[in-house]
Amino acid sequence: LGKMTERLFTAATGSGPAGWSTSEPVTQPWSP
């Protein structure tokens, strides 16, 4: 999972996500 997310982030922002988490603030580095 997360590969489609990378494509969308990259298209709209110039880079894939920096991180993910179950809540804010985000604590985990991005790793599909």
PDB file of all heavy atoms in Angstrom:
ATOM      1  N   LEU A   1       0.826  -1.199   0.000  1.00  0.00           N
ATOM      2  CA  LEU A   1       0.000   0.000   0.000  1.00  0.00           C
ATOM      3  C   LEU A   1       0.866   1.257   0.000  1.00  0.00           C
ATOM      4  O   LEU A   1       2.037   1.209   0.368  1.00  0.00           O
ATOM      5  CB  LEU A   1      -0.910  -0.003   1.226  1.00  0.00           C
ATOM      6  CG  LEU A   1      -1.901  -1.161   1.304  1.00  0.00           C
ATOM      7  CD1 LEU A   1      -2.473  -1.278   2.715  1.00  0.00           C
ATOM      8  CD2 LEU A   1      -3.024  -0.980   0.288  1.00  0.00           C
ATOM      9  N   GLY A   2       0.271   2.373  -0.392  1.00  0.00           N
ATOM     10  CA  GLY A   2       0.963   3.647  -0.323  1.00  0.00           C
ATOM     11  C   GLY A   2       1.632   4.090  -1.606  1.00  0.00           C
ATOM     12  O   GLY A   2       2.047   5.251  -1.710  1.00  0.00           O
ATOM     13  N   LYS A   3       1.752   3.217  -2.599  1.00  0.00           N
ATOM     14  CA  LYS A   3       2.414   3.606  -3.841  1.00  0.00           C
ATOM     15  C   LYS A   3       1.579   4.612  -4.624  1.00  0.00           C
ATOM     16  O   LYS A   3       2.118   5.561  -5.225  1.00  0.00           O
ATOM     17  CB  LYS A   3       2.700   2.366  -4.694  1.00  0.00           C
ATOM     18  CG  LYS A   3       3.707   1.392  -4.070  1.00  0.00           C
ATOM     19  CD  LYS A   3       5.076   2.033  -3.961  1.00  0.00           C
ATOM     20  CE  LYS A   3       6.117   1.016  -3.497  1.00  0.00           C
ATOM     21  NZ  LYS A   3       7.483   1.608  -3.411  1.00  0.00           N
ATOM     22  N   MET A   4       0.261   4.406  -4.637  1.00  0.00           N
ATOM     23  CA  MET A   4      -0.600   5.396  -5.282  1.00  0.00           C
ATOM     24  C   MET A   4      -0.505   6.733  -4.558  1.00  0.00           C
ATOM     25  O   MET A   4      -0.484   7.806  -5.179  1.00  0.00           O
ATOM     26  CB  MET A   4      -2.048   4.904  -5.298  1.00  0.00           C
ATOM     27  CG  MET A   4      -3.022   5.845  -5.994  1.00  0.00           C
ATOM     28  SD  MET A   4      -3.719   7.169  -4.962  1.00  0.00           S
ATOM     29  CE  MET A   4      -4.884   6.242  -3.972  1.00  0.00           C
ATOM     30  N   THR A   5      -0.428   6.675  -3.239  1.00  0.00           N
ATOM     31  CA  THR A   5      -0.285   7.893  -2.444  1.00  0.00           C
ATOM     32  C   THR A   5       0.978   8.652  -2.832  1.00  0.00           C
ATOM     33  O   THR A   5       0.976   9.872  -2.952  1.00  0.00           O
ATOM     34  CB  THR A   5      -0.254   7.528  -0.949  1.00  0.00           C
ATOM     35  OG1 THR A   5      -1.462   6.849  -0.606  1.00  0.00           O
ATOM     36  CG2 THR A   5      -0.101   8.762  -0.087  1.00  0.00           C
ATOM     37  N   GLU A   6       2.062   7.921  -3.020  1.00  0.00           N
ATOM     38  CA  GLU A   6       3.317   8.553  -3.440  1.00  0.00           C
ATOM     39  C   GLU A   6       3.148   9.274  -4.773  1.00  0.00           C
ATOM     40  O   GLU A   6       3.644  10.396  -4.945  1.00  0.00           O
ATOM     41  CB  GLU A   6       4.417   7.496  -3.555  1.00  0.00           C
ATOM     42  CG  GLU A   6       4.943   6.982  -2.221  1.00  0.00           C
ATOM     43  CD  GLU A   6       6.092   6.010  -2.406  1.00  0.00           C
ATOM     44  OE1 GLU A   6       6.286   5.510  -3.547  1.00  0.00           O
ATOM     45  OE2 GLU A   6       6.802   5.748  -1.423  1.00  0.00           O
ATOM     46  N   ARG A   7       2.473   8.643  -5.726  1.00  0.00           N
ATOM     47  CA  ARG A   7       2.273   9.257  -7.033  1.00  0.00           C
ATOM     48  C   ARG A   7       1.485  10.569  -6.912  1.00  0.00           C
ATOM     49  O   ARG A   7       1.828  11.580  -7.540  1.00  0.00           O
ATOM     50  CB  ARG A   7       1.534   8.298  -7.969  1.00  0.00           C
ATOM     51  CG  ARG A   7       2.375   7.155  -8.502  1.00  0.00           C
ATOM     52  CD  ARG A   7       1.562   6.278  -9.447  1.00  0.00           C
ATOM     53  NE  ARG A   7       2.348   5.157  -9.948  1.00  0.00           N
ATOM     54  CZ  ARG A   7       3.102   5.190 -11.036  1.00  0.00           C
ATOM     55  NH1 ARG A   7       3.166   6.306 -11.742  1.00  0.00           N
ATOM     56  NH2 ARG A   7       3.782   4.128 -11.415  1.00  0.00           N
ATOM     57  N   LEU A   8       0.429  10.545  -6.116  1.00  0.00           N
ATOM     58  CA  LEU A   8      -0.405  11.734  -5.978  1.00  0.00           C
ATOM     59  C   LEU A   8       0.354  12.861  -5.297  1.00  0.00           C
ATOM     60  O   LEU A   8       0.339  14.009  -5.752  1.00  0.00           O
ATOM     61  CB  LEU A   8      -1.675  11.393  -5.201  1.00  0.00           C
ATOM     62  CG  LEU A   8      -2.675  12.542  -5.026  1.00  0.00           C
ATOM     63  CD1 LEU A   8      -3.152  13.056  -6.374  1.00  0.00           C
ATOM     64  CD2 LEU A   8      -3.854  12.097  -4.167  1.00  0.00           C
ATOM     65  N   PHE A   9       1.040  12.550  -4.192  1.00  0.00           N
ATOM     66  CA  PHE A   9       1.834  13.563  -3.500  1.00  0.00           C
ATOM     67  C   PHE A   9       2.905  14.135  -4.422  1.00  0.00           C
ATOM     68  O   PHE A   9       3.122  15.354  -4.463  1.00  0.00           O
ATOM     69  CB  PHE A   9       2.493  12.951  -2.261  1.00  0.00           C
ATOM     70  CG  PHE A   9       1.744  13.166  -0.976  1.00  0.00           C
ATOM     71  CD1 PHE A   9       0.620  12.420  -0.674  1.00  0.00           C
ATOM     72  CD2 PHE A   9       2.157  14.124  -0.059  1.00  0.00           C
ATOM     73  CE1 PHE A   9      -0.068  12.593   0.505  1.00  0.00           C
ATOM     74  CE2 PHE A   9       1.479  14.318   1.128  1.00  0.00           C
ATOM     75  CZ  PHE A   9       0.357  13.558   1.414  1.00  0.00           C
ATOM     76  N   THR A  10       3.596  13.272  -5.162  1.00  0.00           N
ATOM     77  CA  THR A  10       4.678  13.729  -6.026  1.00  0.00           C
ATOM     78  C   THR A  10       4.159  14.647  -7.121  1.00  0.00           C
ATOM     79  O   THR A  10       4.766  15.686  -7.430  1.00  0.00           O
ATOM     80  CB  THR A  10       5.413  12.530  -6.641  1.00  0.00           C
ATOM     81  OG1 THR A  10       5.966  11.717  -5.584  1.00  0.00           O
ATOM     82  CG2 THR A  10       6.541  12.983  -7.545  1.00  0.00           C
ATOM     83  N   ALA A  11       3.025  14.285  -7.718  1.00  0.00           N
ATOM     84  CA  ALA A  11       2.448  15.112  -8.774  1.00  0.00           C
ATOM     85  C   ALA A  11       2.039  16.482  -8.250  1.00  0.00           C
ATOM     86  O   ALA A  11       2.281  17.508  -8.890  1.00  0.00           O
ATOM     87  CB  ALA A  11       1.246  14.399  -9.391  1.00  0.00           C
ATOM     88  N   ALA A  12       1.434  16.515  -7.069  1.00  0.00           N
ATOM     89  CA  ALA A  12       0.853  17.753  -6.554  1.00  0.00           C
ATOM     90  C   ALA A  12       1.838  18.611  -5.766  1.00  0.00           C
ATOM     91  O   ALA A  12       1.641  19.824  -5.656  1.00  0.00           O
ATOM     92  CB  ALA A  12      -0.356  17.432  -5.676  1.00  0.00           C
ATOM     93  N   THR A  13       2.902  17.988  -5.202  1.00  0.00           N
ATOM     94  CA  THR A  13       3.814  18.748  -4.339  1.00  0.00           C
ATOM     95  C   THR A  13       5.262  18.694  -4.791  1.00  0.00           C
ATOM     96  O   THR A  13       6.090  19.467  -4.284  1.00  0.00           O
ATOM     97  CB  THR A  13       3.749  18.233  -2.893  1.00  0.00           C
ATOM     98  OG1 THR A  13       4.414  16.952  -2.792  1.00  0.00           O
ATOM     99  CG2 THR A  13       2.316  18.082  -2.408  1.00  0.00           C
ATOM    100  N   GLY A  14       5.613  17.777  -5.671  1.00  0.00           N
ATOM    101  CA  GLY A  14       7.000  17.637  -6.098  1.00  0.00           C
ATOM    102  C   GLY A  14       7.764  16.570  -5.356  1.00  0.00           C
ATOM    103  O   GLY A  14       8.928  16.303  -5.677  1.00  0.00           O
ATOM    104  N   SER A  15       7.129  15.923  -4.377  1.00  0.00           N
ATOM    105  CA  SER A  15       7.801  14.873  -3.608  1.00  0.00           C
ATOM    106  C   SER A  15       6.761  13.973  -2.961  1.00  0.00           C
ATOM    107  O   SER A  15       5.614  14.380  -2.745  1.00  0.00           O
ATOM    108  CB  SER A  15       8.697  15.480  -2.526  1.00  0.00           C
ATOM    109  OG  SER A  15       9.285  14.466  -1.727  1.00  0.00           O
ATOM    110  N   GLY A  16       7.179  12.754  -2.646  1.00  0.00           N
ATOM    111  CA  GLY A  16       6.309  11.852  -1.913  1.00  0.00           C
ATOM    112  C   GLY A  16       6.119  12.316  -0.475  1.00  0.00           C
ATOM    113  O   GLY A  16       6.734  13.296  -0.032  1.00  0.00           O
ATOM    114  N   PRO A  17       5.275  11.644   0.296  1.00  0.00           N
ATOM    115  CA  PRO A  17       5.047  12.038   1.691  1.00  0.00           C
ATOM    116  C   PRO A  17       6.319  11.950   2.515  1.00  0.00           C
ATOM    117  O   PRO A  17       7.235  11.182   2.208  1.00  0.00           O
ATOM    118  CB  PRO A  17       4.004  11.025   2.183  1.00  0.00           C
ATOM    119  CG  PRO A  17       3.394  10.446   0.950  1.00  0.00           C
ATOM    120  CD  PRO A  17       4.464  10.470  -0.088  1.00  0.00           C
ATOM    121  N   ALA A  18       6.360  12.746   3.577  1.00  0.00           N
ATOM    122  CA  ALA A  18       7.489  12.679   4.508  1.00  0.00           C
ATOM    123  C   ALA A  18       7.252  11.647   5.594  1.00  0.00           C
ATOM    124  O   ALA A  18       8.200  11.055   6.112  1.00  0.00           O
ATOM    125  CB  ALA A  18       7.731  14.049   5.139  1.00  0.00           C
ATOM    126  N   GLY A  19       5.972  11.437   5.966  1.00  0.00           N
ATOM    127  CA  GLY A  19       5.715  10.515   7.061  1.00  0.00           C
ATOM    128  C   GLY A  19       4.252  10.134   7.153  1.00  0.00           C
ATOM    129  O   GLY A  19       3.397  10.639   6.428  1.00  0.00           O
ATOM    130  N   TRP A  20       3.995   9.201   8.086  1.00  0.00           N
ATOM    131  CA  TRP A  20       2.629   8.737   8.342  1.00  0.00           C
ATOM    132  C   TRP A  20       2.498   8.458   9.831  1.00  0.00           C
ATOM    133  O   TRP A  20       3.480   8.271  10.553  1.00  0.00           O
ATOM    134  CB  TRP A  20       2.316   7.471   7.539  1.00  0.00           C
ATOM    135  CG  TRP A  20       3.121   6.261   7.958  1.00  0.00           C
ATOM    136  CD1 TRP A  20       4.403   5.969   7.609  1.00  0.00           C
ATOM    137  CD2 TRP A  20       2.690   5.208   8.828  1.00  0.00           C
ATOM    138  NE1 TRP A  20       4.820   4.793   8.194  1.00  0.00           N
ATOM    139  CE2 TRP A  20       3.772   4.298   8.948  1.00  0.00           C
ATOM    140  CE3 TRP A  20       1.505   4.933   9.509  1.00  0.00           C
ATOM    141  CZ2 TRP A  20       3.700   3.146   9.725  1.00  0.00           C
ATOM    142  CZ3 TRP A  20       1.428   3.776  10.287  1.00  0.00           C
ATOM    143  CH2 TRP A  20       2.524   2.897  10.377  1.00  0.00           C
ATOM    144  N   SER A  21       1.269   8.433  10.296  1.00  0.00           N
ATOM    145  CA  SER A  21       1.030   8.174  11.706  1.00  0.00           C
ATOM    146  C   SER A  21      -0.453   7.905  11.912  1.00  0.00           C
ATOM    147  O   SER A  21      -1.275   8.158  11.031  1.00  0.00           O
ATOM    148  CB  SER A  21       1.474   9.382  12.555  1.00  0.00           C
ATOM    149  OG  SER A  21       1.399   9.084  13.937  1.00  0.00           O
ATOM    150  N   THR A  22      -0.790   7.391  13.088  1.00  0.00           N
ATOM    151  CA  THR A  22      -2.193   7.160  13.425  1.00  0.00           C
ATOM    152  C   THR A  22      -2.857   8.420  13.963  1.00  0.00           C
ATOM    153  O   THR A  22      -4.064   8.440  14.167  1.00  0.00           O
ATOM    154  CB  THR A  22      -2.320   6.040  14.465  1.00  0.00           C
ATOM    155  OG1 THR A  22      -1.568   6.394  15.638  1.00  0.00           O
ATOM    156  CG2 THR A  22      -1.777   4.726  13.911  1.00  0.00           C
ATOM    157  N   SER A  23      -2.072   9.458  14.224  1.00  0.00           N
ATOM    158  CA  SER A  23      -2.605  10.719  14.752  1.00  0.00           C
ATOM    159  C   SER A  23      -1.612  11.830  14.441  1.00  0.00           C
ATOM    160  O   SER A  23      -0.534  11.595  13.910  1.00  0.00           O
ATOM    161  CB  SER A  23      -2.832  10.608  16.272  1.00  0.00           C
ATOM    162  OG  SER A  23      -1.613  10.336  16.945  1.00  0.00           O
ATOM    163  N   GLU A  24      -1.993  13.050  14.784  1.00  0.00           N
ATOM    164  CA  GLU A  24      -1.089  14.198  14.647  1.00  0.00           C
ATOM    165  C   GLU A  24      -0.492  14.543  16.007  1.00  0.00           C
ATOM    166  O   GLU A  24      -1.183  14.436  17.028  1.00  0.00           O
ATOM    167  CB  GLU A  24      -1.847  15.401  14.094  1.00  0.00           C
ATOM    168  CG  GLU A  24      -2.307  15.232  12.653  1.00  0.00           C
ATOM    169  CD  GLU A  24      -2.998  16.470  12.127  1.00  0.00           C
ATOM    170  OE1 GLU A  24      -4.164  16.710  12.533  1.00  0.00           O
ATOM    171  OE2 GLU A  24      -2.397  17.197  11.316  1.00  0.00           O
ATOM    172  N   PRO A  25       0.770  14.951  16.024  1.00  0.00           N
ATOM    173  CA  PRO A  25       1.678  15.120  14.884  1.00  0.00           C
ATOM    174  C   PRO A  25       2.172  13.787  14.328  1.00  0.00           C
ATOM    175  O   PRO A  25       2.210  12.774  15.035  1.00  0.00           O
ATOM    176  CB  PRO A  25       2.834  15.921  15.497  1.00  0.00           C
ATOM    177  CG  PRO A  25       2.853  15.518  16.935  1.00  0.00           C
ATOM    178  CD  PRO A  25       1.412  15.336  17.315  1.00  0.00           C
ATOM    179  N   VAL A  26       2.561  13.809  13.061  1.00  0.00           N
ATOM    180  CA  VAL A  26       3.050  12.604  12.387  1.00  0.00           C
ATOM    181  C   VAL A  26       4.410  12.220  12.956  1.00  0.00           C
ATOM    182  O   VAL A  26       5.283  13.070  13.138  1.00  0.00           O
ATOM    183  CB  VAL A  26       3.137  12.853  10.873  1.00  0.00           C
ATOM    184  CG1 VAL A  26       3.875  11.714  10.170  1.00  0.00           C
ATOM    185  CG2 VAL A  26       1.740  13.032  10.297  1.00  0.00           C
ATOM    186  N   THR A  27       4.564  10.933  13.253  1.00  0.00           N
ATOM    187  CA  THR A  27       5.775  10.474  13.948  1.00  0.00           C
ATOM    188  C   THR A  27       6.616   9.473  13.166  1.00  0.00           C
ATOM    189  O   THR A  27       7.799   9.300  13.466  1.00  0.00           O
ATOM    190  CB  THR A  27       5.391   9.824  15.289  1.00  0.00           C
ATOM    191  OG1 THR A  27       4.483   8.730  15.043  1.00  0.00           O
ATOM    192  CG2 THR A  27       4.724  10.836  16.220  1.00  0.00           C
ATOM    193  N   GLN A  28       6.044   8.784  12.170  1.00  0.00           N
ATOM    194  CA  GLN A  28       6.763   7.718  11.473  1.00  0.00           C
ATOM    195  C   GLN A  28       7.280   8.188  10.118  1.00  0.00           C
ATOM    196  O   GLN A  28       6.544   8.823   9.358  1.00  0.00           O
ATOM    197  CB  GLN A  28       5.841   6.504  11.267  1.00  0.00           C
ATOM    198  CG  GLN A  28       5.241   5.957  12.538  1.00  0.00           C
ATOM    199  CD  GLN A  28       6.297   5.501  13.514  1.00  0.00           C
ATOM    200  OE1 GLN A  28       7.221   4.763  13.150  1.00  0.00           O
ATOM    201  NE2 GLN A  28       6.166   5.935  14.760  1.00  0.00           N
ATOM    202  N   PRO A  29       8.542   7.916   9.794  1.00  0.00           N
ATOM    203  CA  PRO A  29       9.040   8.265   8.453  1.00  0.00           C
ATOM    204  C   PRO A  29       8.292   7.472   7.395  1.00  0.00           C
ATOM    205  O   PRO A  29       7.827   6.347   7.639  1.00  0.00           O
ATOM    206  CB  PRO A  29      10.515   7.872   8.510  1.00  0.00           C
ATOM    207  CG  PRO A  29      10.602   6.840   9.587  1.00  0.00           C
ATOM    208  CD  PRO A  29       9.571   7.206  10.600  1.00  0.00           C
ATOM    209  N   TRP A  30       8.165   8.044   6.217  1.00  0.00           N
ATOM    210  CA  TRP A  30       7.397   7.403   5.164  1.00  0.00           C
ATOM    211  C   TRP A  30       8.003   6.073   4.763  1.00  0.00           C
ATOM    212  O   TRP A  30       9.187   5.975   4.447  1.00  0.00           O
ATOM    213  CB  TRP A  30       7.298   8.301   3.942  1.00  0.00           C
ATOM    214  CG  TRP A  30       6.523   7.671   2.830  1.00  0.00           C
ATOM    215  CD1 TRP A  30       7.016   7.236   1.638  1.00  0.00           C
ATOM    216  CD2 TRP A  30       5.126   7.393   2.818  1.00  0.00           C
ATOM    217  NE1 TRP A  30       6.008   6.700   0.867  1.00  0.00           N
ATOM    218  CE2 TRP A  30       4.830   6.785   1.575  1.00  0.00           C
ATOM    219  CE3 TRP A  30       4.095   7.595   3.738  1.00  0.00           C
ATOM    220  CZ2 TRP A  30       3.541   6.371   1.224  1.00  0.00           C
ATOM    221  CZ3 TRP A  30       2.809   7.202   3.388  1.00  0.00           C
ATOM    222  CH2 TRP A  30       2.546   6.595   2.156  1.00  0.00           C
ATOM    223  N   SER A  31       7.187   5.038   4.780  1.00  0.00           N
ATOM    224  CA  SER A  31       7.611   3.702   4.390  1.00  0.00           C
ATOM    225  C   SER A  31       6.382   2.908   3.972  1.00  0.00           C
ATOM    226  O   SER A  31       5.594   2.493   4.831  1.00  0.00           O
ATOM    227  CB  SER A  31       8.326   2.978   5.539  1.00  0.00           C
ATOM    228  OG  SER A  31       8.500   1.602   5.236  1.00  0.00           O
ATOM    229  N   PRO A  32       6.164   2.693   2.673  1.00  0.00           N
ATOM    230  CA  PRO A  32       5.021   1.885   2.249  1.00  0.00           C
ATOM    231  C   PRO A  32       5.027   0.481   2.860  1.00  0.00           C
ATOM    232  O   PRO A  32       3.963  -0.071   3.176  1.00  0.00           O
ATOM    233  CB  PRO A  32       5.193   1.826   0.720  1.00  0.00           C
ATOM    234  CG  PRO A  32       5.924   3.083   0.386  1.00  0.00           C
ATOM    235  CD  PRO A  32       6.888   3.276   1.526  1.00  0.00           C
TER     236      PRO A  32
END
